[in-house]
Amino acid sequence: PKEFVDQVAGDGDAGFFRRAAWVDRAADPPEEGQWWRRMEAYSWGGLTSRRASRAVWLLFLPFSLVN
């Protein structure tokens, strides 16, 4: 459900999502002086659910990262 996650970067096509802060606190309350883990996910489904020509950019992704 959308109320359990917050989009922290990206747009409607792709983005990074984290669990909402209230979900993290309810699931595992942080203790004083300890590390607190965050669950994060990347959604890229919008990049491939449209025209096939739009998904071709994935073939060029390694070259764009090296460049």
C-alpha atoms as a PDB file:
ATOM      1  CA  PRO A   1       0.000   0.000   0.000  1.00  0.00           C
ATOM      2  CA  LYS A   2       1.166   3.510  -0.819  1.00  0.00           C
ATOM      3  CA  GLU A   3       0.703   4.745   2.753  1.00  0.00           C
ATOM      4  CA  PHE A   4       3.475   2.385   3.916  1.00  0.00           C
ATOM      5  CA  VAL A   5       6.193   3.789   1.611  1.00  0.00           C
ATOM      6  CA  ASP A   6       7.640   7.203   0.816  1.00  0.00           C
ATOM      7  CA  GLN A   7       9.264   8.045  -2.505  1.00  0.00           C
ATOM      8  CA  VAL A   8      12.594   9.705  -1.740  1.00  0.00           C
ATOM      9  CA  ALA A   9      13.912  10.196  -5.300  1.00  0.00           C
ATOM     10  CA  GLY A  10      12.835   9.749  -8.877  1.00  0.00           C
ATOM     11  CA  ASP A  11       9.602  10.269 -10.745  1.00  0.00           C
ATOM     12  CA  GLY A  12       6.592   8.287 -11.923  1.00  0.00           C
ATOM     13  CA  ASP A  13       8.689   6.028 -14.160  1.00  0.00           C
ATOM     14  CA  ALA A  14      11.406   5.019 -11.710  1.00  0.00           C
ATOM     15  CA  GLY A  15      12.412   5.927  -8.201  1.00  0.00           C
ATOM     16  CA  PHE A  16      13.773   5.036  -4.800  1.00  0.00           C
ATOM     17  CA  PHE A  17      11.303   4.181  -2.076  1.00  0.00           C
ATOM     18  CA  ARG A  18      11.695   3.737   1.685  1.00  0.00           C
ATOM     19  CA  ARG A  19       9.344   2.418   4.298  1.00  0.00           C
ATOM     20  CA  ALA A  20       7.499   5.222   6.007  1.00  0.00           C
ATOM     21  CA  ALA A  21       9.175   6.348   9.233  1.00  0.00           C
ATOM     22  CA  TRP A  22       6.197   5.311  11.357  1.00  0.00           C
ATOM     23  CA  VAL A  23       6.397   1.774   9.920  1.00  0.00           C
ATOM     24  CA  ASP A  24      10.108   1.514  10.813  1.00  0.00           C
ATOM     25  CA  ARG A  25       9.501   2.745  14.351  1.00  0.00           C
ATOM     26  CA  ALA A  26       6.565   0.389  14.854  1.00  0.00           C
ATOM     27  CA  ALA A  27       8.374  -2.653  13.424  1.00  0.00           C
ATOM     28  CA  ASP A  28      11.674  -2.190  15.254  1.00  0.00           C
ATOM     29  CA  PRO A  29      11.978   0.784  17.623  1.00  0.00           C
ATOM     30  CA  PRO A  30      15.545   2.155  17.640  1.00  0.00           C
ATOM     31  CA  GLU A  31      17.444   1.895  20.894  1.00  0.00           C
ATOM     32  CA  GLU A  32      19.731   4.635  22.119  1.00  0.00           C
ATOM     33  CA  GLY A  33      23.266   4.373  20.712  1.00  0.00           C
ATOM     34  CA  GLN A  34      22.522   1.636  18.162  1.00  0.00           C
ATOM     35  CA  TRP A  35      22.537   1.702  14.391  1.00  0.00           C
ATOM     36  CA  TRP A  36      19.189   1.953  12.703  1.00  0.00           C
ATOM     37  CA  ARG A  37      18.690   0.158   9.403  1.00  0.00           C
ATOM     38  CA  ARG A  38      16.476   1.482   6.638  1.00  0.00           C
ATOM     39  CA  MET A  39      14.891  -0.673   4.008  1.00  0.00           C
ATOM     40  CA  GLU A  40      15.073   0.904   0.561  1.00  0.00           C
ATOM     41  CA  ALA A  41      13.885  -0.289  -2.841  1.00  0.00           C
ATOM     42  CA  TYR A  42      14.325   0.829  -6.429  1.00  0.00           C
ATOM     43  CA  SER A  43      11.347   0.582  -8.754  1.00  0.00           C
ATOM     44  CA  TRP A  44      12.055   0.681 -12.478  1.00  0.00           C
ATOM     45  CA  GLY A  45       8.857  -0.887 -13.806  1.00  0.00           C
ATOM     46  CA  GLY A  46       7.717   2.309 -15.488  1.00  0.00           C
ATOM     47  CA  LEU A  47      10.791   2.281 -17.711  1.00  0.00           C
ATOM     48  CA  THR A  48       9.848  -0.969 -19.438  1.00  0.00           C
ATOM     49  CA  SER A  49       6.053  -0.938 -19.321  1.00  0.00           C
ATOM     50  CA  ARG A  50       5.690   1.421 -22.259  1.00  0.00           C
ATOM     51  CA  ARG A  51       6.928   1.385 -25.833  1.00  0.00           C
ATOM     52  CA  ALA A  52       9.690  -1.078 -26.641  1.00  0.00           C
ATOM     53  CA  SER A  53      11.824   1.743 -28.032  1.00  0.00           C
ATOM     54  CA  ARG A  54      11.810   3.388 -24.615  1.00  0.00           C
ATOM     55  CA  ALA A  55      13.302   0.254 -23.049  1.00  0.00           C
ATOM     56  CA  VAL A  56      16.206   0.249 -25.518  1.00  0.00           C
ATOM     57  CA  TRP A  57      18.039   2.742 -23.311  1.00  0.00           C
ATOM     58  CA  LEU A  58      18.690  -0.147 -20.894  1.00  0.00           C
ATOM     59  CA  LEU A  59      21.039  -1.614 -23.500  1.00  0.00           C
ATOM     60  CA  PHE A  60      23.095   1.574 -23.385  1.00  0.00           C
ATOM     61  CA  LEU A  61      23.126   1.849 -19.596  1.00  0.00           C
ATOM     62  CA  PRO A  62      26.574   0.226 -19.084  1.00  0.00           C
ATOM     63  CA  PHE A  63      28.130   2.571 -21.641  1.00  0.00           C
ATOM     64  CA  SER A  64      26.559   5.635 -20.077  1.00  0.00           C
ATOM     65  CA  LEU A  65      27.827   4.646 -16.636  1.00  0.00           C
ATOM     66  CA  VAL A  66      31.387   4.179 -17.919  1.00  0.00           C
ATOM     67  CA  ASN A  67      31.289   7.440 -19.791  1.00  0.00           C
END
